[in-house]
Amino acid sequence: MKVRFRSSLLGVVVTLSLGISVLSCGNSADDSVPKDICGTKIDPDITRTIVEPGDEWSEYDRVDRAEAITAPCVLFSSGKRVLDFRFSWTDEKPDLMYLSGTGSVSGVNDPHRVDFAEGAVVGTDGALSTTSCRTKGGEYFTLTLQLPQVDPLDRGYRKDIEEFMRAYFPATVKTLGCR
């Protein structure tokens, strides 16, 4: 009888241990970020540098790549805006420093030029990039990224925003069907 009790107790302990292990290791929601944002595949490890992992992701996406009409795409986590994108097509090459200015729909704070795209600009709370991309919508494609949850005075995100845009922008351009 003593042997049966010990083996039953051992079985319960093993079952509980496995259950706890599955719950703590198997719940990837704590580490989840989307692998596809606004129609562009992106490495979640890169995205994780600018957004907190979550488990309730959704998008508001008005972008129509075939029509190439300026439109927003917004990524939400648990109902809060975390990434605001603006996909824009124009006939003339835009001045990103001008567009990044205060009061502009594409505004970012404390913009600085960076070298990963034609005149790319990275600020403390967002970035803009443009490239020649002949489509139905025009000669140039411009992508604006804004992080509404980031304090504009916090300069700590600038490098992470640049890293994200270095990966996301060219991957997005590949989805546009540029001629």
N, C-alpha and C. Protein backbone atom coordinates (compact mmCIF):
# COMPACT_ATOMS: atom_id res chain seq x y z
N MET A 1 0.82 -1.19 0.00
CA MET A 1 0.00 0.00 0.00
C MET A 1 0.87 1.26 0.00
N LYS A 2 1.95 1.22 0.77
CA LYS A 2 2.86 2.33 0.81
C LYS A 2 3.49 2.59 -0.57
N VAL A 3 3.80 1.53 -1.29
CA VAL A 3 4.42 1.65 -2.60
C VAL A 3 3.44 2.28 -3.58
N ARG A 4 2.16 1.87 -3.53
CA ARG A 4 1.15 2.44 -4.42
C ARG A 4 0.97 3.93 -4.15
N PHE A 5 0.96 4.31 -2.88
CA PHE A 5 0.78 5.71 -2.52
C PHE A 5 1.93 6.56 -3.07
N ARG A 6 3.18 6.04 -2.92
CA ARG A 6 4.34 6.77 -3.40
C ARG A 6 4.30 6.91 -4.93
N SER A 7 3.97 5.83 -5.62
CA SER A 7 3.92 5.93 -7.08
C SER A 7 2.79 6.84 -7.53
N SER A 8 1.67 6.84 -6.81
CA SER A 8 0.57 7.75 -7.16
C SER A 8 0.99 9.19 -6.90
N LEU A 9 1.63 9.42 -5.77
CA LEU A 9 2.10 10.76 -5.43
C LEU A 9 3.15 11.23 -6.45
N LEU A 10 4.05 10.32 -6.84
CA LEU A 10 5.06 10.65 -7.84
C LEU A 10 4.38 11.00 -9.16
N GLY A 11 3.34 10.27 -9.54
CA GLY A 11 2.60 10.55 -10.77
C GLY A 11 1.95 11.92 -10.74
N VAL A 12 1.38 12.29 -9.59
CA VAL A 12 0.75 13.60 -9.44
C VAL A 12 1.81 14.71 -9.55
N VAL A 13 2.94 14.52 -8.90
CA VAL A 13 4.00 15.51 -8.93
C VAL A 13 4.53 15.68 -10.36
N VAL A 14 4.75 14.57 -11.06
CA VAL A 14 5.24 14.64 -12.44
C VAL A 14 4.21 15.34 -13.32
N THR A 15 2.93 14.99 -13.18
CA THR A 15 1.87 15.60 -13.98
C THR A 15 1.79 17.10 -13.72
N LEU A 16 1.84 17.50 -12.44
CA LEU A 16 1.79 18.93 -12.11
C LEU A 16 3.01 19.66 -12.66
N SER A 17 4.18 19.05 -12.55
CA SER A 17 5.40 19.67 -13.05
C SER A 17 5.33 19.87 -14.56
N LEU A 18 4.86 18.85 -15.27
CA LEU A 18 4.72 18.97 -16.72
C LEU A 18 3.69 20.03 -17.08
N GLY A 19 2.60 20.09 -16.36
CA GLY A 19 1.56 21.08 -16.61
C GLY A 19 2.07 22.49 -16.42
N ILE A 20 2.80 22.71 -15.35
CA ILE A 20 3.38 24.04 -15.09
C ILE A 20 4.39 24.37 -16.18
N SER A 21 5.20 23.39 -16.57
CA SER A 21 6.19 23.61 -17.61
C SER A 21 5.52 23.99 -18.93
N VAL A 22 4.46 23.29 -19.29
CA VAL A 22 3.75 23.59 -20.53
C VAL A 22 3.14 24.98 -20.46
N LEU A 23 2.56 25.35 -19.33
CA LEU A 23 1.95 26.66 -19.21
C LEU A 23 2.98 27.78 -19.28
N SER A 24 4.13 27.59 -18.64
CA SER A 24 5.10 28.67 -18.62
C SER A 24 5.91 28.75 -19.91
N CYS A 25 6.25 27.61 -20.50
CA CYS A 25 7.06 27.62 -21.72
C CYS A 25 6.20 27.64 -22.98
N GLY A 26 5.06 27.03 -22.93
CA GLY A 26 4.24 26.89 -24.11
C GLY A 26 3.41 28.11 -24.41
N ASN A 27 3.29 29.05 -23.50
CA ASN A 27 2.48 30.23 -23.74
C ASN A 27 3.33 31.29 -24.43
N SER A 28 3.33 31.26 -25.76
CA SER A 28 4.16 32.19 -26.51
C SER A 28 3.51 33.55 -26.68
N ALA A 29 2.29 33.72 -26.17
CA ALA A 29 1.61 35.01 -26.30
C ALA A 29 2.42 36.13 -25.65
N ASP A 30 3.16 35.79 -24.59
CA ASP A 30 3.97 36.81 -23.93
C ASP A 30 5.07 37.34 -24.84
N ASP A 31 5.50 36.52 -25.79
CA ASP A 31 6.58 36.91 -26.68
C ASP A 31 6.11 37.20 -28.09
N SER A 32 4.79 37.28 -28.30
CA SER A 32 4.31 37.37 -29.68
C SER A 32 4.25 38.80 -30.20
N VAL A 33 4.67 38.92 -31.43
CA VAL A 33 4.46 40.12 -32.23
C VAL A 33 4.14 39.59 -33.62
N PRO A 34 3.43 40.36 -34.42
CA PRO A 34 3.04 39.88 -35.75
C PRO A 34 4.26 39.60 -36.65
N LYS A 35 4.11 38.61 -37.50
CA LYS A 35 5.14 38.28 -38.49
C LYS A 35 4.83 38.96 -39.82
N ASP A 36 3.66 39.53 -39.91
CA ASP A 36 3.22 40.22 -41.12
C ASP A 36 2.53 41.50 -40.65
N ILE A 37 3.06 42.63 -41.07
CA ILE A 37 2.50 43.92 -40.67
C ILE A 37 2.15 44.71 -41.93
N CYS A 38 0.89 45.03 -42.06
CA CYS A 38 0.40 45.82 -43.19
C CYS A 38 0.83 45.22 -44.53
N GLY A 39 0.76 43.90 -44.63
CA GLY A 39 1.06 43.22 -45.88
C GLY A 39 2.53 42.98 -46.15
N THR A 40 3.38 43.22 -45.17
CA THR A 40 4.82 43.00 -45.32
C THR A 40 5.29 42.02 -44.26
N LYS A 41 5.98 40.97 -44.69
CA LYS A 41 6.55 40.01 -43.74
C LYS A 41 7.79 40.64 -43.11
N ILE A 42 7.89 40.49 -41.79
CA ILE A 42 9.00 41.08 -41.04
C ILE A 42 9.39 40.16 -39.90
N ASP A 43 10.66 40.07 -39.62
CA ASP A 43 11.17 39.23 -38.53
C ASP A 43 10.64 39.78 -37.21
N PRO A 44 9.92 38.97 -36.43
CA PRO A 44 9.38 39.44 -35.16
C PRO A 44 10.44 39.98 -34.20
N ASP A 45 11.67 39.47 -34.29
CA ASP A 45 12.72 39.97 -33.41
C ASP A 45 13.03 41.45 -33.68
N ILE A 46 12.91 41.86 -34.93
CA ILE A 46 13.13 43.28 -35.27
C ILE A 46 11.95 44.12 -34.77
N THR A 47 10.75 43.62 -34.98
CA THR A 47 9.55 44.35 -34.53
C THR A 47 9.54 44.49 -33.01
N ARG A 48 10.00 43.46 -32.33
CA ARG A 48 10.00 43.45 -30.87
C ARG A 48 10.83 44.59 -30.28
N THR A 49 11.73 45.17 -31.07
CA THR A 49 12.56 46.27 -30.54
C THR A 49 11.78 47.57 -30.42
N ILE A 50 10.64 47.68 -31.16
CA ILE A 50 9.88 48.94 -31.11
C ILE A 50 8.47 48.79 -30.57
N VAL A 51 8.00 47.55 -30.37
CA VAL A 51 6.68 47.34 -29.75
C VAL A 51 6.79 46.26 -28.69
N GLU A 52 5.95 46.37 -27.70
CA GLU A 52 5.90 45.37 -26.64
C GLU A 52 5.16 44.13 -27.15
N PRO A 53 5.64 42.94 -26.83
CA PRO A 53 4.90 41.74 -27.21
C PRO A 53 3.49 41.78 -26.62
N GLY A 54 2.56 41.16 -27.30
CA GLY A 54 1.18 41.13 -26.85
C GLY A 54 0.46 39.91 -27.40
N ASP A 55 -0.82 39.83 -27.11
CA ASP A 55 -1.56 38.68 -27.59
C ASP A 55 -2.83 39.05 -28.35
N GLU A 56 -3.15 40.31 -28.44
CA GLU A 56 -4.35 40.75 -29.17
C GLU A 56 -3.97 41.78 -30.22
N TRP A 57 -3.48 41.30 -31.37
CA TRP A 57 -3.04 42.18 -32.44
C TRP A 57 -4.15 42.35 -33.46
N SER A 58 -4.28 43.54 -33.98
CA SER A 58 -5.22 43.79 -35.07
C SER A 58 -4.69 44.94 -35.92
N GLU A 59 -5.25 45.05 -37.14
CA GLU A 59 -4.83 46.09 -38.07
C GLU A 59 -6.03 46.81 -38.64
N TYR A 60 -5.84 48.06 -38.91
CA TYR A 60 -6.76 48.84 -39.73
C TYR A 60 -5.94 49.16 -40.97
N ASP A 61 -6.29 48.57 -42.10
CA ASP A 61 -5.46 48.67 -43.29
C ASP A 61 -6.29 49.14 -44.48
N ARG A 62 -5.99 50.33 -44.98
CA ARG A 62 -6.68 50.88 -46.15
C ARG A 62 -5.77 50.86 -47.38
N VAL A 63 -4.60 50.24 -47.27
CA VAL A 63 -3.62 50.24 -48.34
C VAL A 63 -4.06 49.27 -49.44
N ASP A 64 -4.04 49.76 -50.67
CA ASP A 64 -4.33 48.95 -51.85
C ASP A 64 -3.12 49.11 -52.78
N ARG A 65 -2.23 48.13 -52.73
CA ARG A 65 -0.99 48.22 -53.50
C ARG A 65 -1.26 48.33 -55.00
N ALA A 66 -2.28 47.67 -55.50
CA ALA A 66 -2.59 47.71 -56.93
C ALA A 66 -3.03 49.10 -57.37
N GLU A 67 -3.81 49.78 -56.56
CA GLU A 67 -4.29 51.12 -56.90
C GLU A 67 -3.28 52.21 -56.58
N ALA A 68 -2.37 51.92 -55.63
CA ALA A 68 -1.30 52.85 -55.25
C ALA A 68 -1.84 54.22 -54.88
N ILE A 69 -2.82 54.24 -54.00
CA ILE A 69 -3.40 55.48 -53.50
C ILE A 69 -2.94 55.68 -52.06
N THR A 70 -2.54 56.89 -51.71
CA THR A 70 -2.08 57.17 -50.36
C THR A 70 -3.11 56.72 -49.33
N ALA A 71 -2.63 55.95 -48.35
CA ALA A 71 -3.55 55.37 -47.37
C ALA A 71 -2.80 54.98 -46.10
N PRO A 72 -3.55 54.88 -44.98
CA PRO A 72 -2.95 54.48 -43.71
C PRO A 72 -3.05 52.97 -43.47
N CYS A 73 -2.20 52.51 -42.61
CA CYS A 73 -2.32 51.17 -42.03
C CYS A 73 -1.86 51.32 -40.58
N VAL A 74 -2.70 50.86 -39.65
CA VAL A 74 -2.43 51.03 -38.23
C VAL A 74 -2.40 49.66 -37.57
N LEU A 75 -1.38 49.43 -36.75
CA LEU A 75 -1.27 48.20 -35.98
C LEU A 75 -1.67 48.49 -34.54
N PHE A 76 -2.58 47.66 -34.02
CA PHE A 76 -3.06 47.80 -32.65
C PHE A 76 -2.61 46.60 -31.82
N SER A 77 -2.31 46.84 -30.56
CA SER A 77 -2.05 45.78 -29.60
C SER A 77 -2.99 46.01 -28.43
N SER A 78 -3.86 45.04 -28.18
CA SER A 78 -4.87 45.14 -27.12
C SER A 78 -5.66 46.44 -27.24
N GLY A 79 -5.99 46.82 -28.47
CA GLY A 79 -6.82 47.99 -28.73
C GLY A 79 -6.07 49.31 -28.74
N LYS A 80 -4.76 49.32 -28.46
CA LYS A 80 -3.98 50.56 -28.46
C LYS A 80 -3.14 50.64 -29.73
N ARG A 81 -3.11 51.85 -30.32
CA ARG A 81 -2.28 52.08 -31.51
C ARG A 81 -0.82 51.95 -31.11
N VAL A 82 -0.07 51.14 -31.86
CA VAL A 82 1.35 51.02 -31.57
C VAL A 82 2.23 51.38 -32.77
N LEU A 83 1.73 51.17 -33.99
CA LEU A 83 2.46 51.56 -35.19
C LEU A 83 1.49 52.18 -36.18
N ASP A 84 1.78 53.39 -36.61
CA ASP A 84 0.99 54.07 -37.64
C ASP A 84 1.86 54.17 -38.89
N PHE A 85 1.36 53.60 -39.99
CA PHE A 85 2.05 53.70 -41.26
C PHE A 85 1.23 54.55 -42.21
N ARG A 86 1.92 55.22 -43.10
CA ARG A 86 1.26 55.95 -44.18
C ARG A 86 1.99 55.58 -45.46
N PHE A 87 1.29 54.90 -46.35
CA PHE A 87 1.82 54.51 -47.65
C PHE A 87 1.44 55.62 -48.63
N SER A 88 2.42 56.18 -49.33
CA SER A 88 2.14 57.32 -50.19
C SER A 88 2.88 57.19 -51.52
N TRP A 89 2.18 57.53 -52.60
CA TRP A 89 2.75 57.53 -53.93
C TRP A 89 2.64 58.94 -54.51
N THR A 90 3.72 59.43 -55.13
CA THR A 90 3.72 60.77 -55.71
C THR A 90 4.49 60.77 -57.03
N ASP A 91 4.24 61.81 -57.83
CA ASP A 91 4.98 61.95 -59.08
C ASP A 91 6.34 62.61 -58.87
N GLU A 92 6.43 63.46 -57.88
CA GLU A 92 7.67 64.16 -57.58
C GLU A 92 8.33 63.55 -56.35
N LYS A 93 9.67 63.57 -56.33
CA LYS A 93 10.39 63.08 -55.16
C LYS A 93 10.12 64.01 -53.99
N PRO A 94 9.59 63.48 -52.88
CA PRO A 94 9.26 64.34 -51.74
C PRO A 94 10.50 64.76 -50.94
N ASP A 95 10.39 65.89 -50.29
CA ASP A 95 11.42 66.38 -49.38
C ASP A 95 11.07 65.83 -48.00
N LEU A 96 11.76 64.79 -47.59
CA LEU A 96 11.41 64.12 -46.33
C LEU A 96 11.67 64.98 -45.10
N MET A 97 12.66 65.84 -45.15
CA MET A 97 12.88 66.73 -44.00
C MET A 97 11.70 67.68 -43.84
N TYR A 98 11.18 68.16 -44.94
CA TYR A 98 10.00 69.02 -44.89
C TYR A 98 8.80 68.24 -44.37
N LEU A 99 8.57 67.04 -44.93
CA LEU A 99 7.43 66.23 -44.51
C LEU A 99 7.51 65.79 -43.05
N SER A 100 8.72 65.64 -42.55
CA SER A 100 8.87 65.18 -41.17
C SER A 100 8.65 66.29 -40.15
N GLY A 101 8.47 67.50 -40.63
CA GLY A 101 8.32 68.66 -39.75
C GLY A 101 7.04 68.66 -38.93
N THR A 102 7.07 69.42 -37.88
CA THR A 102 5.92 69.58 -36.99
C THR A 102 4.73 70.10 -37.78
N GLY A 103 3.57 69.54 -37.53
CA GLY A 103 2.36 69.98 -38.19
C GLY A 103 2.05 69.20 -39.45
N SER A 104 3.00 68.43 -39.94
CA SER A 104 2.77 67.61 -41.12
C SER A 104 2.12 66.29 -40.71
N VAL A 105 1.33 65.73 -41.60
CA VAL A 105 0.71 64.43 -41.32
C VAL A 105 1.78 63.35 -41.16
N SER A 106 2.95 63.57 -41.71
CA SER A 106 4.05 62.62 -41.60
C SER A 106 5.08 63.04 -40.56
N GLY A 107 4.75 63.98 -39.71
CA GLY A 107 5.71 64.54 -38.77
C GLY A 107 6.28 63.55 -37.78
N VAL A 108 7.58 63.68 -37.56
CA VAL A 108 8.28 62.96 -36.50
C VAL A 108 9.13 63.98 -35.76
N ASN A 109 9.43 63.70 -34.55
CA ASN A 109 10.18 64.65 -33.73
C ASN A 109 11.68 64.45 -33.87
N ASP A 110 12.40 65.58 -33.89
CA ASP A 110 13.85 65.62 -33.97
C ASP A 110 14.38 64.75 -35.12
N PRO A 111 13.96 65.03 -36.36
CA PRO A 111 14.37 64.20 -37.49
C PRO A 111 15.85 64.37 -37.85
N HIS A 112 16.48 63.25 -38.21
CA HIS A 112 17.87 63.23 -38.68
C HIS A 112 17.92 62.36 -39.93
N ARG A 113 18.72 62.78 -40.90
CA ARG A 113 18.89 61.97 -42.11
C ARG A 113 19.71 60.72 -41.77
N VAL A 114 19.36 59.62 -42.43
CA VAL A 114 20.11 58.37 -42.31
C VAL A 114 20.34 57.83 -43.71
N ASP A 115 21.20 56.84 -43.85
CA ASP A 115 21.66 56.44 -45.18
C ASP A 115 21.06 55.16 -45.75
N PHE A 116 19.97 54.64 -45.22
CA PHE A 116 19.49 53.36 -45.74
C PHE A 116 18.54 53.46 -46.92
N ALA A 117 18.09 54.63 -47.26
CA ALA A 117 17.24 54.83 -48.44
C ALA A 117 17.45 56.26 -48.91
N GLU A 118 16.91 56.58 -50.08
CA GLU A 118 17.05 57.93 -50.64
C GLU A 118 16.53 58.98 -49.65
N GLY A 119 17.42 59.62 -48.95
CA GLY A 119 17.01 60.69 -48.06
C GLY A 119 16.17 60.25 -46.88
N ALA A 120 16.35 59.05 -46.40
CA ALA A 120 15.57 58.57 -45.25
C ALA A 120 15.80 59.46 -44.03
N VAL A 121 14.74 59.55 -43.21
CA VAL A 121 14.78 60.38 -42.01
C VAL A 121 14.28 59.55 -40.83
N VAL A 122 14.99 59.62 -39.71
CA VAL A 122 14.57 58.93 -38.49
C VAL A 122 14.47 59.96 -37.38
N GLY A 123 13.36 59.91 -36.66
CA GLY A 123 13.15 60.79 -35.52
C GLY A 123 13.08 60.00 -34.24
N THR A 124 12.72 60.67 -33.17
CA THR A 124 12.62 59.99 -31.87
C THR A 124 11.37 59.13 -31.77
N ASP A 125 10.37 59.39 -32.62
CA ASP A 125 9.11 58.67 -32.54
C ASP A 125 8.58 58.22 -33.91
N GLY A 126 9.50 58.08 -34.88
CA GLY A 126 9.07 57.64 -36.20
C GLY A 126 10.14 57.82 -37.25
N ALA A 127 9.76 57.52 -38.50
CA ALA A 127 10.71 57.61 -39.60
C ALA A 127 9.97 57.77 -40.92
N LEU A 128 10.68 58.25 -41.93
CA LEU A 128 10.17 58.35 -43.30
C LEU A 128 11.25 57.84 -44.24
N SER A 129 10.82 57.13 -45.28
CA SER A 129 11.74 56.67 -46.32
C SER A 129 11.04 56.79 -47.66
N THR A 130 11.81 57.10 -48.68
CA THR A 130 11.25 57.18 -50.03
C THR A 130 12.19 56.50 -51.00
N THR A 131 11.63 56.07 -52.13
CA THR A 131 12.44 55.48 -53.18
C THR A 131 11.71 55.62 -54.51
N SER A 132 12.48 55.58 -55.56
CA SER A 132 11.89 55.58 -56.89
C SER A 132 11.15 54.25 -57.05
N CYS A 133 9.88 54.34 -57.41
CA CYS A 133 9.04 53.15 -57.53
C CYS A 133 7.89 53.49 -58.46
N ARG A 134 8.09 53.27 -59.74
CA ARG A 134 7.08 53.63 -60.74
C ARG A 134 5.90 52.67 -60.67
N THR A 135 4.75 53.21 -60.32
CA THR A 135 3.52 52.43 -60.23
C THR A 135 2.38 53.27 -60.78
N LYS A 136 1.20 52.72 -60.71
CA LYS A 136 0.00 53.43 -61.13
C LYS A 136 -0.16 54.75 -60.35
N GLY A 137 0.33 54.78 -59.11
CA GLY A 137 0.16 55.94 -58.25
C GLY A 137 1.20 57.03 -58.41
N GLY A 138 2.26 56.78 -59.15
CA GLY A 138 3.28 57.80 -59.32
C GLY A 138 4.67 57.22 -59.51
N GLU A 139 5.66 58.10 -59.42
CA GLU A 139 7.06 57.74 -59.64
C GLU A 139 7.80 57.38 -58.36
N TYR A 140 7.28 57.84 -57.22
CA TYR A 140 7.97 57.63 -55.95
C TYR A 140 7.02 57.04 -54.91
N PHE A 141 7.57 56.18 -54.08
CA PHE A 141 6.84 55.63 -52.96
C PHE A 141 7.49 56.13 -51.68
N THR A 142 6.66 56.60 -50.75
CA THR A 142 7.15 57.07 -49.45
C THR A 142 6.40 56.34 -48.36
N LEU A 143 7.14 55.86 -47.38
CA LEU A 143 6.55 55.19 -46.22
C LEU A 143 6.85 56.01 -44.97
N THR A 144 5.79 56.33 -44.25
CA THR A 144 5.93 57.02 -42.98
C THR A 144 5.60 56.05 -41.86
N LEU A 145 6.41 56.04 -40.83
CA LEU A 145 6.17 55.23 -39.63
C LEU A 145 6.12 56.18 -38.45
N GLN A 146 5.06 56.07 -37.65
CA GLN A 146 4.95 56.84 -36.42
C GLN A 146 4.62 55.89 -35.28
N LEU A 147 5.24 56.12 -34.14
CA LEU A 147 5.01 55.31 -32.94
C LEU A 147 4.31 56.18 -31.90
N PRO A 148 2.97 56.15 -31.88
CA PRO A 148 2.23 57.04 -30.99
C PRO A 148 2.46 56.79 -29.49
N GLN A 149 2.91 55.59 -29.14
CA GLN A 149 3.11 55.27 -27.73
C GLN A 149 4.46 55.76 -27.20
N VAL A 150 5.33 56.26 -28.10
CA VAL A 150 6.66 56.70 -27.70
C VAL A 150 6.63 58.18 -27.35
N ASP A 151 7.21 58.51 -26.23
CA ASP A 151 7.35 59.91 -25.81
C ASP A 151 8.30 60.60 -26.79
N PRO A 152 7.86 61.67 -27.46
CA PRO A 152 8.71 62.34 -28.45
C PRO A 152 10.03 62.85 -27.89
N LEU A 153 10.12 63.03 -26.58
CA LEU A 153 11.36 63.51 -25.97
C LEU A 153 12.33 62.37 -25.63
N ASP A 154 11.85 61.13 -25.74
CA ASP A 154 12.68 59.95 -25.43
C ASP A 154 13.51 59.59 -26.66
N ARG A 155 14.80 59.86 -26.60
CA ARG A 155 15.67 59.59 -27.74
C ARG A 155 16.14 58.14 -27.79
N GLY A 156 15.70 57.33 -26.86
CA GLY A 156 16.16 55.95 -26.74
C GLY A 156 15.67 55.00 -27.81
N TYR A 157 14.68 55.39 -28.60
CA TYR A 157 14.13 54.50 -29.63
C TYR A 157 14.71 54.73 -31.02
N ARG A 158 15.45 55.80 -31.19
CA ARG A 158 15.92 56.19 -32.52
C ARG A 158 16.65 55.04 -33.24
N LYS A 159 17.60 54.39 -32.58
CA LYS A 159 18.37 53.31 -33.20
C LYS A 159 17.46 52.13 -33.55
N ASP A 160 16.52 51.80 -32.67
CA ASP A 160 15.60 50.69 -32.93
C ASP A 160 14.64 51.01 -34.08
N ILE A 161 14.19 52.25 -34.16
CA ILE A 161 13.33 52.67 -35.27
C ILE A 161 14.10 52.56 -36.59
N GLU A 162 15.34 53.01 -36.59
CA GLU A 162 16.16 52.91 -37.80
C GLU A 162 16.36 51.44 -38.20
N GLU A 163 16.66 50.58 -37.25
CA GLU A 163 16.85 49.15 -37.53
C GLU A 163 15.57 48.54 -38.12
N PHE A 164 14.43 48.89 -37.54
CA PHE A 164 13.16 48.39 -38.05
C PHE A 164 12.95 48.84 -39.50
N MET A 165 13.14 50.13 -39.76
CA MET A 165 12.92 50.66 -41.11
C MET A 165 13.93 50.11 -42.12
N ARG A 166 15.15 49.83 -41.70
CA ARG A 166 16.14 49.23 -42.59
C ARG A 166 15.66 47.87 -43.11
N ALA A 167 14.89 47.17 -42.30
CA ALA A 167 14.36 45.86 -42.70
C ALA A 167 12.98 46.00 -43.35
N TYR A 168 12.11 46.79 -42.76
CA TYR A 168 10.72 46.86 -43.19
C TYR A 168 10.55 47.60 -44.53
N PHE A 169 11.25 48.70 -44.71
CA PHE A 169 11.06 49.50 -45.92
C PHE A 169 11.40 48.72 -47.20
N PRO A 170 12.58 48.12 -47.32
CA PRO A 170 12.87 47.39 -48.56
C PRO A 170 11.94 46.18 -48.75
N ALA A 171 11.55 45.54 -47.66
CA ALA A 171 10.62 44.41 -47.77
C ALA A 171 9.26 44.89 -48.28
N THR A 172 8.84 46.07 -47.86
CA THR A 172 7.57 46.64 -48.34
C THR A 172 7.68 47.01 -49.82
N VAL A 173 8.77 47.63 -50.20
CA VAL A 173 8.96 48.04 -51.60
C VAL A 173 8.86 46.81 -52.52
N LYS A 174 9.37 45.67 -52.07
CA LYS A 174 9.30 44.45 -52.88
C LYS A 174 7.85 44.00 -53.13
N THR A 175 6.92 44.42 -52.28
CA THR A 175 5.52 44.02 -52.42
C THR A 175 4.72 44.95 -53.33
N LEU A 176 5.33 46.02 -53.82
CA LEU A 176 4.60 47.06 -54.53
C LEU A 176 4.49 46.88 -56.04
N GLY A 177 5.28 46.02 -56.61
CA GLY A 177 5.22 45.83 -58.06
C GLY A 177 5.78 47.02 -58.83
N CYS A 178 6.86 47.59 -58.33
CA CYS A 178 7.48 48.74 -59.02
C CYS A 178 7.95 48.33 -60.42
N ARG A 179 7.84 49.29 -61.33
CA ARG A 179 8.32 49.03 -62.70
C ARG A 179 9.64 49.73 -62.90
